[in-house]
Protein backbone atom coordinates (compact mmCIF):
# COMPACT_ATOMS: atom_id res chain seq x y z
CA UNK A 1 -15.70 -79.17 105.90
CA UNK A 2 -12.57 -77.87 104.20
CA UNK A 3 -9.18 -78.11 105.80
CA UNK A 4 -7.48 -74.71 105.77
CA UNK A 5 -4.51 -72.93 107.26
CA UNK A 6 -0.82 -72.27 106.86
CA UNK A 7 0.22 -75.78 107.87
CA UNK A 8 -2.17 -77.26 105.34
CA UNK A 9 -0.92 -74.94 102.61
CA UNK A 10 2.69 -75.94 103.29
CA UNK A 11 1.80 -79.64 103.32
CA UNK A 12 -0.09 -79.28 100.02
CA UNK A 13 2.87 -77.47 98.40
CA UNK A 14 5.23 -80.22 99.57
CA UNK A 15 2.92 -82.94 98.27
CA UNK A 16 2.52 -81.18 94.92
CA UNK A 17 6.31 -80.97 94.59
CA UNK A 18 6.58 -84.67 95.41
CA UNK A 19 3.86 -85.61 92.92
CA UNK A 20 5.43 -83.48 90.16
CA UNK A 21 8.66 -85.45 90.55
CA UNK A 22 6.86 -88.71 89.83
CA UNK A 23 6.90 -90.21 86.34
CA UNK A 24 3.30 -90.57 85.04
CA UNK A 25 3.85 -94.13 83.77
CA UNK A 26 6.49 -95.64 86.03
CA UNK A 27 5.00 -94.32 89.26
CA UNK A 28 1.35 -94.99 88.39
CA UNK A 29 0.88 -97.69 91.00
CA UNK A 30 -1.54 -98.07 93.92
CA UNK A 31 1.30 -97.76 96.42
CA UNK A 32 1.81 -94.09 95.43
CA UNK A 33 -1.82 -93.28 96.21
CA UNK A 34 -1.74 -95.34 99.41
CA UNK A 35 1.37 -93.50 100.57
CA UNK A 36 -0.29 -90.15 99.83
CA UNK A 37 -3.43 -91.21 101.64
CA UNK A 38 -1.50 -92.39 104.69
CA UNK A 39 0.57 -89.19 104.78
CA UNK A 40 -2.63 -87.16 104.69
CA UNK A 41 -4.23 -89.18 107.49
CA UNK A 42 -1.09 -89.00 109.61
CA UNK A 43 -1.02 -85.23 109.29
CA UNK A 44 -4.68 -84.24 109.46
CA UNK A 45 -7.00 -86.96 110.76
CA UNK A 46 -8.43 -86.24 114.18
CA UNK A 47 -7.34 -89.13 116.35
CA UNK A 48 -9.82 -88.22 119.07
CA UNK A 49 -12.85 -88.30 116.77
CA UNK A 50 -13.86 -91.82 117.84
CA UNK A 51 -13.45 -90.99 121.52
CA UNK A 52 -15.53 -87.80 121.20
CA UNK A 53 -18.22 -89.72 119.30
CA UNK A 54 -18.33 -92.35 122.06
CA UNK A 55 -18.69 -89.65 124.74
CA UNK A 56 -21.44 -87.91 122.78
CA UNK A 57 -23.19 -91.23 122.26
CA UNK A 58 -23.10 -91.92 125.99
CA UNK A 59 -24.85 -88.57 126.53
CA UNK A 60 -27.36 -89.01 123.67
CA UNK A 61 -30.88 -89.57 124.96
CA UNK A 62 -34.19 -89.67 123.15
CA UNK A 63 -36.42 -86.71 123.97
CA UNK A 64 -40.06 -87.13 123.00
CA UNK A 65 -41.18 -86.48 120.26
CA UNK A 66 -37.84 -85.91 118.48
CA UNK A 67 -37.35 -89.45 117.14
CA UNK A 68 -35.93 -88.32 113.77
CA UNK A 69 -33.37 -86.08 115.47
CA UNK A 70 -32.33 -88.87 117.83
CA UNK A 71 -31.90 -91.36 114.99
CA UNK A 72 -29.93 -88.91 112.81
CA UNK A 73 -27.57 -88.05 115.69
CA UNK A 74 -27.18 -91.70 116.65
CA UNK A 75 -26.35 -92.81 113.11
CA UNK A 76 -23.80 -90.00 112.65
CA UNK A 77 -22.06 -90.91 115.90
CA UNK A 78 -22.03 -94.64 115.09
CA UNK A 79 -20.34 -93.90 111.76
CA UNK A 80 -17.69 -91.77 113.51
CA UNK A 81 -17.06 -94.64 115.90
CA UNK A 82 -16.58 -97.04 113.01
CA UNK A 83 -19.42 -99.34 114.09
CA UNK A 84 -21.75 -101.21 111.78
CA UNK A 85 -25.40 -100.30 112.40
CA UNK A 86 -26.33 -103.97 112.14
CA UNK A 87 -24.00 -105.00 114.97
CA UNK A 88 -25.36 -105.99 118.36
CA UNK A 89 -23.20 -103.30 120.00
CA UNK A 90 -24.80 -100.61 117.84
CA UNK A 91 -28.31 -101.89 118.56
CA UNK A 92 -27.60 -101.96 122.31
CA UNK A 93 -26.25 -98.39 122.16
CA UNK A 94 -29.33 -97.34 120.16
CA UNK A 95 -31.69 -98.78 122.78
CA UNK A 96 -29.67 -97.29 125.63
CA UNK A 97 -30.77 -93.85 124.46
CA UNK A 98 -34.37 -94.79 125.31
CA UNK A 99 -33.57 -95.70 128.93
CA UNK A 100 -35.83 -92.91 130.24
CA UNK A 101 -38.65 -93.86 127.86
CA UNK A 102 -39.69 -97.17 129.35
CA UNK A 103 -43.13 -97.05 127.74
CA UNK A 104 -41.51 -96.97 124.29
CA UNK A 105 -39.23 -99.88 125.07
CA UNK A 106 -42.18 -101.90 126.41
CA UNK A 107 -44.01 -101.34 123.11
CA UNK A 108 -40.96 -102.21 121.00
CA UNK A 109 -40.43 -105.46 122.88
CA UNK A 110 -44.02 -106.58 122.42
CA UNK A 111 -44.00 -109.64 120.13
CA UNK A 112 -43.06 -109.91 117.35
CA UNK A 113 -39.85 -108.29 118.61
CA UNK A 114 -37.70 -106.67 115.93
CA UNK A 115 -34.12 -107.94 116.04
CA UNK A 116 -32.50 -105.93 113.23
CA UNK A 117 -31.60 -102.25 113.59
CA UNK A 118 -33.73 -101.16 110.62
CA UNK A 119 -36.81 -102.96 111.89
CA UNK A 120 -36.30 -101.59 115.40
CA UNK A 121 -35.89 -98.06 114.05
CA UNK A 122 -39.06 -98.32 111.92
CA UNK A 123 -40.96 -99.72 114.91
CA UNK A 124 -39.88 -96.87 117.20
CA UNK A 125 -40.69 -94.25 114.56
CA UNK A 126 -44.18 -95.75 114.14
CA UNK A 127 -44.76 -95.85 117.90
CA UNK A 128 -43.67 -92.23 118.40
CA UNK A 129 -45.75 -91.03 115.44
CA UNK A 130 -48.83 -92.86 116.75
CA UNK A 131 -48.25 -91.36 120.22
CA UNK A 132 -48.08 -87.91 118.62
CA UNK A 133 -51.34 -88.59 116.78
CA UNK A 134 -53.10 -89.78 119.94
CA UNK A 135 -51.83 -86.72 121.85
CA UNK A 136 -52.98 -84.42 119.06
CA UNK A 137 -56.42 -86.00 118.98
CA UNK A 138 -56.71 -85.84 122.78
CA UNK A 139 -55.78 -82.15 122.84
CA UNK A 140 -58.33 -81.24 120.19
CA UNK A 141 -61.12 -83.54 121.39
CA UNK A 142 -64.31 -81.98 122.75
CA UNK A 143 -65.26 -82.48 126.37
CA UNK A 144 -67.18 -85.75 126.23
CA UNK A 145 -68.58 -85.35 129.75
CA UNK A 146 -70.96 -82.73 128.39
CA UNK A 147 -72.33 -85.24 125.90
CA UNK A 148 -72.99 -87.84 128.61
CA UNK A 149 -75.43 -85.44 130.33
CA UNK A 150 -77.44 -84.84 127.15
CA UNK A 151 -80.32 -87.24 127.17
CA UNK A 152 -81.27 -86.80 123.57
CA UNK A 153 -83.42 -89.57 122.17
């Protein structure tokens, strides 16, 4: 996403003027870049991004069979919140999204129980994919009651 607008244009012009006044050798120090970076953040960073991500994460719920969509949304929101995916907080938030899918949680917590986020994610993906396969087979299966009545020898 590009940042656009009159205020941005004015800020950029002011920063360019400031940078042009710097000597390329004498002012070539990390502090110049850090000051630029901080000025940019102060002016344009959305301070409510983390709060919005937290609110969206609270609302995020897994909806069968959209496991990939749930994981992608979860990981994006966790990054916006500044969490590490390996943290216990992140794992708890991840599992909270499955609160209405008790059958999935029961299967995940069948020993050996995954304790790392990556292992838990792979386990849930495998469970959902196998459930999709079983549902697909069940929908396309012939009516076996008819076969039970055939006394072919």
